[in-house]
Amino acid sequence: MELKTIVTCNQYFNALIVGDCAKEALQAFYNLEKGYKPTMSTYVTLISGYTHCDLYAEGIALYERLHKDKTIIPPIKFYGVAINLHYKSDMFDHAFTLIETMRVEPNMVVWNAILSASISVGQHDIVEVVIKNSLEEVNPRKRFGYGQDVSKILRGDEEL
């Protein structure tokens, strides 16, 4: 199959991943690099796919590669995906430190990702930090409901 643009390549990767062919997507990605420069969409698609298919080592390797490239500034969506990847690969501590090394300011996407992960692993001390930081991002009219939701989660009444 001839892939003519990076957009076509990204769609092809997504189709492979959705079809549970993540390893084939990785191979196609390595072949792609010979002719195209990957975009952030490429990285987000692949890392999300590896997380979805439980191919954590591959996702971490790709994340590390992107993180070392200082010429690319990942969008906030990327960090939510990266936190989820690290959490699911039993690297929760690293997921939390991602917030400190981000090249952009964390927003609710990031805080919700780390909140979900910290509750799942029972890191309630981190939940406090997340709540303090994330409340600044929540619309003041919605803070009460947000706090109630987190309270229910911590009591075990509800999941994120």
N, C-alpha and C. Protein backbone atom coordinates (compact mmCIF):
# COMPACT_ATOMS: atom_id res chain seq x y z
N MET A 1 0.84 -1.18 0.00
CA MET A 1 0.00 0.00 0.00
C MET A 1 0.89 1.24 0.00
N GLU A 2 0.63 2.15 -0.91
CA GLU A 2 1.41 3.38 -0.99
C GLU A 2 0.72 4.46 -0.17
N LEU A 3 1.48 5.02 0.77
CA LEU A 3 0.97 6.08 1.62
C LEU A 3 1.55 7.39 1.12
N LYS A 4 0.70 8.31 0.67
CA LYS A 4 1.19 9.50 -0.02
C LYS A 4 1.39 10.72 0.88
N THR A 5 0.67 10.81 1.97
CA THR A 5 0.81 11.96 2.87
C THR A 5 0.89 11.48 4.31
N ILE A 6 1.35 12.34 5.19
CA ILE A 6 1.42 12.00 6.61
C ILE A 6 0.02 11.78 7.17
N VAL A 7 -0.98 12.49 6.65
CA VAL A 7 -2.36 12.31 7.11
C VAL A 7 -2.83 10.90 6.76
N THR A 8 -2.52 10.45 5.57
CA THR A 8 -2.87 9.09 5.16
C THR A 8 -2.18 8.08 6.05
N CYS A 9 -0.91 8.34 6.35
CA CYS A 9 -0.14 7.44 7.22
C CYS A 9 -0.78 7.35 8.60
N ASN A 10 -1.14 8.50 9.16
CA ASN A 10 -1.75 8.51 10.49
C ASN A 10 -3.06 7.73 10.50
N GLN A 11 -3.86 7.89 9.47
CA GLN A 11 -5.12 7.14 9.37
C GLN A 11 -4.85 5.64 9.25
N TYR A 12 -3.82 5.30 8.51
CA TYR A 12 -3.43 3.90 8.35
C TYR A 12 -3.00 3.30 9.69
N PHE A 13 -2.19 4.05 10.45
CA PHE A 13 -1.77 3.58 11.78
C PHE A 13 -2.98 3.37 12.67
N ASN A 14 -3.89 4.33 12.65
CA ASN A 14 -5.09 4.24 13.48
C ASN A 14 -5.91 3.01 13.10
N ALA A 15 -6.06 2.76 11.83
CA ALA A 15 -6.82 1.59 11.37
C ALA A 15 -6.16 0.30 11.83
N LEU A 16 -4.84 0.23 11.74
CA LEU A 16 -4.12 -0.96 12.20
C LEU A 16 -4.32 -1.17 13.70
N ILE A 17 -4.22 -0.09 14.45
CA ILE A 17 -4.35 -0.19 15.91
C ILE A 17 -5.76 -0.61 16.30
N VAL A 18 -6.76 0.03 15.72
CA VAL A 18 -8.15 -0.32 16.02
C VAL A 18 -8.42 -1.78 15.65
N GLY A 19 -7.77 -2.26 14.61
CA GLY A 19 -7.92 -3.65 14.18
C GLY A 19 -7.01 -4.61 14.93
N ASP A 20 -6.48 -4.18 16.10
CA ASP A 20 -5.60 -4.99 16.94
C ASP A 20 -4.33 -5.45 16.21
N CYS A 21 -3.81 -4.59 15.38
CA CYS A 21 -2.56 -4.87 14.65
C CYS A 21 -1.51 -3.81 15.02
N ALA A 22 -1.35 -3.54 16.33
CA ALA A 22 -0.45 -2.48 16.78
C ALA A 22 1.00 -2.77 16.40
N LYS A 23 1.42 -4.02 16.42
CA LYS A 23 2.80 -4.33 16.03
C LYS A 23 3.04 -3.98 14.56
N GLU A 24 2.05 -4.23 13.73
CA GLU A 24 2.15 -3.86 12.33
C GLU A 24 2.20 -2.35 12.17
N ALA A 25 1.46 -1.63 13.03
CA ALA A 25 1.49 -0.17 13.00
C ALA A 25 2.88 0.34 13.35
N LEU A 26 3.53 -0.29 14.34
CA LEU A 26 4.88 0.10 14.72
C LEU A 26 5.85 -0.12 13.56
N GLN A 27 5.74 -1.25 12.91
CA GLN A 27 6.61 -1.52 11.77
C GLN A 27 6.35 -0.52 10.64
N ALA A 28 5.09 -0.22 10.40
CA ALA A 28 4.76 0.77 9.37
C ALA A 28 5.31 2.14 9.75
N PHE A 29 5.29 2.46 11.04
CA PHE A 29 5.84 3.74 11.51
C PHE A 29 7.34 3.81 11.21
N TYR A 30 8.07 2.75 11.52
CA TYR A 30 9.50 2.75 11.24
C TYR A 30 9.78 2.86 9.75
N ASN A 31 8.95 2.24 8.93
CA ASN A 31 9.10 2.36 7.48
C ASN A 31 8.77 3.78 7.01
N LEU A 32 7.78 4.39 7.66
CA LEU A 32 7.36 5.75 7.32
C LEU A 32 8.49 6.75 7.49
N GLU A 33 9.27 6.58 8.52
CA GLU A 33 10.30 7.57 8.83
C GLU A 33 11.31 7.75 7.70
N LYS A 34 11.38 6.80 6.83
CA LYS A 34 12.30 6.92 5.70
C LYS A 34 11.84 7.98 4.71
N GLY A 35 10.54 8.29 4.72
CA GLY A 35 10.03 9.23 3.73
C GLY A 35 9.26 10.41 4.29
N TYR A 36 8.77 10.33 5.54
CA TYR A 36 7.95 11.38 6.11
C TYR A 36 8.42 11.71 7.52
N LYS A 37 8.21 12.96 7.91
CA LYS A 37 8.49 13.34 9.29
C LYS A 37 7.20 13.15 10.10
N PRO A 38 7.25 12.32 11.14
CA PRO A 38 6.04 12.10 11.95
C PRO A 38 5.55 13.40 12.59
N THR A 39 4.26 13.51 12.75
CA THR A 39 3.65 14.66 13.42
C THR A 39 3.27 14.26 14.84
N MET A 40 2.82 15.25 15.62
CA MET A 40 2.35 14.93 16.97
C MET A 40 1.16 13.99 16.89
N SER A 41 0.33 14.15 15.89
CA SER A 41 -0.81 13.26 15.71
C SER A 41 -0.34 11.82 15.53
N THR A 42 0.77 11.64 14.83
CA THR A 42 1.35 10.30 14.65
C THR A 42 1.71 9.70 16.00
N TYR A 43 2.42 10.49 16.81
CA TYR A 43 2.86 9.99 18.12
C TYR A 43 1.67 9.71 19.04
N VAL A 44 0.71 10.62 19.08
CA VAL A 44 -0.46 10.42 19.95
C VAL A 44 -1.22 9.17 19.53
N THR A 45 -1.41 8.99 18.23
CA THR A 45 -2.12 7.81 17.72
C THR A 45 -1.41 6.53 18.12
N LEU A 46 -0.11 6.49 17.89
CA LEU A 46 0.63 5.27 18.19
C LEU A 46 0.70 4.98 19.69
N ILE A 47 1.00 5.99 20.48
CA ILE A 47 1.11 5.76 21.93
C ILE A 47 -0.24 5.36 22.52
N SER A 48 -1.32 5.99 22.07
CA SER A 48 -2.66 5.58 22.52
C SER A 48 -2.92 4.13 22.12
N GLY A 49 -2.54 3.79 20.91
CA GLY A 49 -2.75 2.43 20.43
C GLY A 49 -1.98 1.40 21.21
N TYR A 50 -0.74 1.70 21.53
CA TYR A 50 0.07 0.74 22.29
C TYR A 50 -0.51 0.57 23.69
N THR A 51 -1.00 1.66 24.27
CA THR A 51 -1.64 1.56 25.58
C THR A 51 -2.88 0.68 25.49
N HIS A 52 -3.69 0.93 24.47
CA HIS A 52 -4.93 0.16 24.26
C HIS A 52 -4.64 -1.33 24.06
N CYS A 53 -3.54 -1.65 23.37
CA CYS A 53 -3.21 -3.05 23.06
C CYS A 53 -2.26 -3.68 24.08
N ASP A 54 -2.05 -3.01 25.20
CA ASP A 54 -1.17 -3.50 26.27
C ASP A 54 0.28 -3.72 25.80
N LEU A 55 0.72 -2.94 24.84
CA LEU A 55 2.11 -3.00 24.36
C LEU A 55 2.86 -1.82 24.98
N TYR A 56 3.01 -1.90 26.31
CA TYR A 56 3.54 -0.77 27.06
C TYR A 56 5.00 -0.47 26.75
N ALA A 57 5.82 -1.47 26.59
CA ALA A 57 7.25 -1.25 26.32
C ALA A 57 7.42 -0.47 25.02
N GLU A 58 6.65 -0.83 24.00
CA GLU A 58 6.72 -0.13 22.72
C GLU A 58 6.27 1.32 22.88
N GLY A 59 5.19 1.52 23.63
CA GLY A 59 4.70 2.88 23.86
C GLY A 59 5.67 3.72 24.64
N ILE A 60 6.28 3.13 25.68
CA ILE A 60 7.27 3.86 26.48
C ILE A 60 8.47 4.23 25.61
N ALA A 61 8.93 3.32 24.78
CA ALA A 61 10.08 3.60 23.90
C ALA A 61 9.77 4.76 22.97
N LEU A 62 8.58 4.77 22.41
CA LEU A 62 8.19 5.86 21.52
C LEU A 62 8.05 7.17 22.28
N TYR A 63 7.49 7.10 23.49
CA TYR A 63 7.37 8.29 24.33
C TYR A 63 8.75 8.87 24.64
N GLU A 64 9.67 8.00 25.05
CA GLU A 64 11.03 8.45 25.39
C GLU A 64 11.69 9.11 24.19
N ARG A 65 11.49 8.53 23.05
CA ARG A 65 12.08 9.07 21.83
C ARG A 65 11.55 10.49 21.56
N LEU A 66 10.25 10.66 21.67
CA LEU A 66 9.66 11.98 21.45
C LEU A 66 10.11 12.96 22.53
N HIS A 67 10.16 12.50 23.77
CA HIS A 67 10.51 13.37 24.88
C HIS A 67 11.94 13.91 24.73
N LYS A 68 12.81 13.12 24.14
CA LYS A 68 14.21 13.55 23.95
C LYS A 68 14.35 14.57 22.81
N ASP A 69 13.37 14.60 21.92
CA ASP A 69 13.42 15.53 20.79
C ASP A 69 12.93 16.90 21.28
N LYS A 70 13.85 17.79 21.54
CA LYS A 70 13.51 19.10 22.10
C LYS A 70 12.95 20.06 21.05
N THR A 71 12.93 19.65 19.78
CA THR A 71 12.40 20.52 18.74
C THR A 71 10.88 20.42 18.64
N ILE A 72 10.30 19.40 19.26
CA ILE A 72 8.85 19.22 19.22
C ILE A 72 8.26 19.56 20.59
N ILE A 73 7.28 20.43 20.61
CA ILE A 73 6.57 20.74 21.86
C ILE A 73 5.22 20.03 21.80
N PRO A 74 5.09 18.97 22.60
CA PRO A 74 3.84 18.19 22.55
C PRO A 74 2.64 19.00 23.05
N PRO A 75 1.48 18.78 22.44
CA PRO A 75 0.27 19.44 22.94
C PRO A 75 -0.18 18.77 24.23
N ILE A 76 -1.08 19.41 24.92
CA ILE A 76 -1.55 18.92 26.21
C ILE A 76 -2.15 17.52 26.10
N LYS A 77 -2.84 17.24 25.00
CA LYS A 77 -3.45 15.92 24.81
C LYS A 77 -2.40 14.81 24.90
N PHE A 78 -1.22 15.10 24.40
CA PHE A 78 -0.14 14.12 24.42
C PHE A 78 0.18 13.71 25.86
N TYR A 79 0.21 14.66 26.77
CA TYR A 79 0.57 14.35 28.15
C TYR A 79 -0.49 13.51 28.84
N GLY A 80 -1.75 13.72 28.53
CA GLY A 80 -2.80 12.86 29.08
C GLY A 80 -2.59 11.42 28.63
N VAL A 81 -2.25 11.24 27.36
CA VAL A 81 -1.97 9.91 26.80
C VAL A 81 -0.73 9.31 27.45
N ALA A 82 0.31 10.13 27.62
CA ALA A 82 1.56 9.64 28.22
C ALA A 82 1.36 9.23 29.68
N ILE A 83 0.58 9.99 30.42
CA ILE A 83 0.30 9.64 31.82
C ILE A 83 -0.44 8.31 31.89
N ASN A 84 -1.42 8.14 31.03
CA ASN A 84 -2.17 6.88 30.99
C ASN A 84 -1.25 5.71 30.65
N LEU A 85 -0.37 5.90 29.68
CA LEU A 85 0.59 4.86 29.30
C LEU A 85 1.49 4.48 30.47
N HIS A 86 2.05 5.46 31.16
CA HIS A 86 2.95 5.17 32.28
C HIS A 86 2.22 4.50 33.44
N TYR A 87 1.02 4.97 33.71
CA TYR A 87 0.23 4.36 34.78
C TYR A 87 -0.06 2.89 34.46
N LYS A 88 -0.51 2.62 33.25
CA LYS A 88 -0.87 1.25 32.89
C LYS A 88 0.33 0.33 32.78
N SER A 89 1.51 0.89 32.59
CA SER A 89 2.71 0.06 32.51
C SER A 89 3.40 -0.04 33.88
N ASP A 90 2.64 0.22 34.95
CA ASP A 90 3.14 0.14 36.33
C ASP A 90 4.29 1.11 36.60
N MET A 91 4.25 2.24 35.95
CA MET A 91 5.25 3.29 36.18
C MET A 91 4.53 4.53 36.70
N PHE A 92 3.70 4.34 37.72
CA PHE A 92 2.88 5.44 38.22
C PHE A 92 3.73 6.61 38.71
N ASP A 93 4.82 6.32 39.40
CA ASP A 93 5.66 7.41 39.91
C ASP A 93 6.17 8.29 38.77
N HIS A 94 6.53 7.65 37.69
CA HIS A 94 7.00 8.40 36.53
C HIS A 94 5.85 9.22 35.93
N ALA A 95 4.66 8.66 35.93
CA ALA A 95 3.49 9.38 35.40
C ALA A 95 3.29 10.69 36.16
N PHE A 96 3.44 10.65 37.48
CA PHE A 96 3.24 11.86 38.26
C PHE A 96 4.36 12.86 38.01
N THR A 97 5.60 12.40 37.85
CA THR A 97 6.69 13.34 37.59
C THR A 97 6.63 13.95 36.20
N LEU A 98 5.85 13.34 35.30
CA LEU A 98 5.68 13.95 33.97
C LEU A 98 5.15 15.37 34.09
N ILE A 99 4.30 15.59 35.07
CA ILE A 99 3.70 16.92 35.24
C ILE A 99 4.80 17.95 35.49
N GLU A 100 5.83 17.56 36.24
CA GLU A 100 6.91 18.49 36.56
C GLU A 100 7.81 18.76 35.36
N THR A 101 7.86 17.85 34.39
CA THR A 101 8.75 18.02 33.25
C THR A 101 8.03 18.43 31.97
N MET A 102 6.73 18.68 32.07
CA MET A 102 5.97 19.07 30.90
C MET A 102 6.49 20.39 30.34
N ARG A 103 6.41 20.53 29.02
CA ARG A 103 6.84 21.76 28.36
C ARG A 103 5.69 22.75 28.20
N VAL A 104 4.51 22.37 28.70
CA VAL A 104 3.34 23.24 28.70
C VAL A 104 2.70 23.17 30.08
N GLU A 105 1.85 24.13 30.39
CA GLU A 105 1.17 24.13 31.68
C GLU A 105 0.10 23.04 31.72
N PRO A 106 0.04 22.26 32.80
CA PRO A 106 -1.00 21.23 32.90
C PRO A 106 -2.39 21.87 32.96
N ASN A 107 -3.35 21.17 32.37
CA ASN A 107 -4.74 21.62 32.44
C ASN A 107 -5.59 20.45 32.95
N MET A 108 -6.90 20.54 32.80
CA MET A 108 -7.78 19.51 33.34
C MET A 108 -7.58 18.15 32.67
N VAL A 109 -7.15 18.13 31.43
CA VAL A 109 -6.86 16.84 30.76
C VAL A 109 -5.80 16.10 31.56
N VAL A 110 -4.74 16.80 31.89
CA VAL A 110 -3.62 16.20 32.62
C VAL A 110 -4.03 15.88 34.06
N TRP A 111 -4.66 16.83 34.73
CA TRP A 111 -5.04 16.60 36.13
C TRP A 111 -6.03 15.43 36.24
N ASN A 112 -6.97 15.33 35.31
CA ASN A 112 -7.91 14.20 35.36
C ASN A 112 -7.21 12.87 35.10
N ALA A 113 -6.24 12.86 34.20
CA ALA A 113 -5.49 11.62 33.92
C ALA A 113 -4.73 11.18 35.16
N ILE A 114 -4.05 12.10 35.82
CA ILE A 114 -3.27 11.73 37.01
C ILE A 114 -4.18 11.42 38.19
N LEU A 115 -5.32 12.11 38.28
CA LEU A 115 -6.29 11.82 39.34
C LEU A 115 -6.83 10.41 39.19
N SER A 116 -7.23 10.05 38.00
CA SER A 116 -7.75 8.72 37.74
C SER A 116 -6.70 7.66 38.08
N ALA A 117 -5.47 7.89 37.65
CA ALA A 117 -4.40 6.92 37.91
C ALA A 117 -4.10 6.83 39.41
N SER A 118 -4.03 7.96 40.10
CA SER A 118 -3.68 7.92 41.53
C SER A 118 -4.78 7.26 42.36
N ILE A 119 -6.03 7.44 41.98
CA ILE A 119 -7.12 6.78 42.69
C ILE A 119 -7.05 5.27 42.44
N SER A 120 -6.76 4.90 41.20
CA SER A 120 -6.70 3.48 40.85
C SER A 120 -5.61 2.73 41.61
N VAL A 121 -4.49 3.40 41.87
CA VAL A 121 -3.40 2.73 42.58
C VAL A 121 -3.41 3.03 44.08
N GLY A 122 -4.43 3.78 44.53
CA GLY A 122 -4.56 4.04 45.96
C GLY A 122 -3.60 5.07 46.51
N GLN A 123 -3.12 5.96 45.67
CA GLN A 123 -2.19 7.02 46.10
C GLN A 123 -2.99 8.25 46.53
N HIS A 124 -3.63 8.16 47.68
CA HIS A 124 -4.53 9.23 48.12
C HIS A 124 -3.79 10.51 48.48
N ASP A 125 -2.51 10.43 48.84
CA ASP A 125 -1.75 11.65 49.10
C ASP A 125 -1.56 12.45 47.81
N ILE A 126 -1.42 11.76 46.69
CA ILE A 126 -1.29 12.45 45.41
C ILE A 126 -2.64 13.02 44.99
N VAL A 127 -3.72 12.35 45.37
CA VAL A 127 -5.06 12.86 45.05
C VAL A 127 -5.21 14.26 45.63
N GLU A 128 -4.74 14.49 46.86
CA GLU A 128 -4.82 15.81 47.47
C GLU A 128 -4.09 16.86 46.65
N VAL A 129 -2.88 16.53 46.20
CA VAL A 129 -2.09 17.45 45.39
C VAL A 129 -2.82 17.77 44.10
N VAL A 130 -3.37 16.74 43.49
CA VAL A 130 -4.08 16.92 42.22
C VAL A 130 -5.31 17.81 42.43
N ILE A 131 -6.05 17.55 43.48
CA ILE A 131 -7.25 18.34 43.74
C ILE A 131 -6.89 19.81 43.95
N LYS A 132 -5.86 20.07 44.74
CA LYS A 132 -5.46 21.47 44.98
C LYS A 132 -5.07 22.15 43.68
N ASN A 133 -4.32 21.48 42.84
CA ASN A 133 -3.88 22.08 41.59
C ASN A 133 -4.99 22.16 40.56
N SER A 134 -5.82 21.14 40.49
CA SER A 134 -6.84 21.11 39.44
C SER A 134 -8.01 22.02 39.73
N LEU A 135 -8.27 22.31 40.98
CA LEU A 135 -9.39 23.20 41.29
C LEU A 135 -9.19 24.57 40.69
N GLU A 136 -7.95 24.97 40.49
CA GLU A 136 -7.69 26.25 39.85
C GLU A 136 -8.19 26.24 38.40
N GLU A 137 -8.25 25.07 37.79
CA GLU A 137 -8.66 24.93 36.40
C GLU A 137 -10.17 24.78 36.24
N VAL A 138 -10.85 24.35 37.30
CA VAL A 138 -12.27 24.06 37.20
C VAL A 138 -13.07 25.35 37.27
N ASN A 139 -14.08 25.45 36.45
CA ASN A 139 -14.98 26.58 36.45
C ASN A 139 -15.52 26.76 37.88
N PRO A 140 -15.40 27.97 38.44
CA PRO A 140 -15.84 28.17 39.84
C PRO A 140 -17.27 27.70 40.10
N ARG A 141 -18.17 27.80 39.12
CA ARG A 141 -19.55 27.37 39.32
C ARG A 141 -19.68 25.86 39.38
N LYS A 142 -18.63 25.15 38.92
CA LYS A 142 -18.70 23.69 38.89
C LYS A 142 -17.82 23.04 39.96
N ARG A 143 -17.10 23.84 40.73
CA ARG A 143 -16.18 23.27 41.73
C ARG A 143 -16.89 22.40 42.75
N PHE A 144 -18.06 22.82 43.19
CA PHE A 144 -18.76 22.07 44.22
C PHE A 144 -19.04 20.65 43.74
N GLY A 145 -19.56 20.51 42.54
CA GLY A 145 -19.84 19.19 42.00
C GLY A 145 -18.58 18.36 41.80
N TYR A 146 -17.51 19.00 41.38
CA TYR A 146 -16.23 18.32 41.17
C TYR A 146 -15.73 17.75 42.50
N GLY A 147 -15.79 18.56 43.55
CA GLY A 147 -15.35 18.11 44.87
C GLY A 147 -16.20 16.96 45.39
N GLN A 148 -17.51 17.03 45.14
CA GLN A 148 -18.40 15.95 45.56
C GLN A 148 -18.05 14.66 44.83
N ASP A 149 -17.78 14.77 43.53
CA ASP A 149 -17.42 13.58 42.75
C ASP A 149 -16.15 12.93 43.30
N VAL A 150 -15.14 13.74 43.57
CA VAL A 150 -13.87 13.21 44.09
C VAL A 150 -14.09 12.59 45.46
N SER A 151 -14.91 13.23 46.29
CA SER A 151 -15.21 12.69 47.61
C SER A 151 -15.86 11.32 47.51
N LYS A 152 -16.80 11.15 46.60
CA LYS A 152 -17.46 9.86 46.40
C LYS A 152 -16.45 8.80 45.95
N ILE A 153 -15.56 9.19 45.07
CA ILE A 153 -14.55 8.26 44.58
C ILE A 153 -13.66 7.80 45.72
N LEU A 154 -13.21 8.73 46.53
CA LEU A 154 -12.31 8.38 47.64
C LEU A 154 -12.99 7.48 48.67
N ARG A 155 -14.30 7.65 48.82
CA ARG A 155 -15.04 6.80 49.75
C ARG A 155 -15.33 5.43 49.13
N GLY A 156 -15.15 5.33 47.81
CA GLY A 156 -15.41 4.08 47.15
C GLY A 156 -16.84 3.95 46.63
N ASP A 157 -17.59 5.06 46.64
CA ASP A 157 -18.97 5.02 46.17
C ASP A 157 -19.06 5.02 44.65
N GLU A 158 -18.02 5.53 43.99
CA GLU A 158 -18.11 5.75 42.55
C GLU A 158 -16.71 5.71 41.97
N GLU A 159 -16.63 5.36 40.70
CA GLU A 159 -15.35 5.38 40.00
C GLU A 159 -15.32 6.52 39.01
N LEU A 160 -14.10 6.93 38.63
CA LEU A 160 -13.97 7.95 37.58
C LEU A 160 -14.37 7.39 36.26
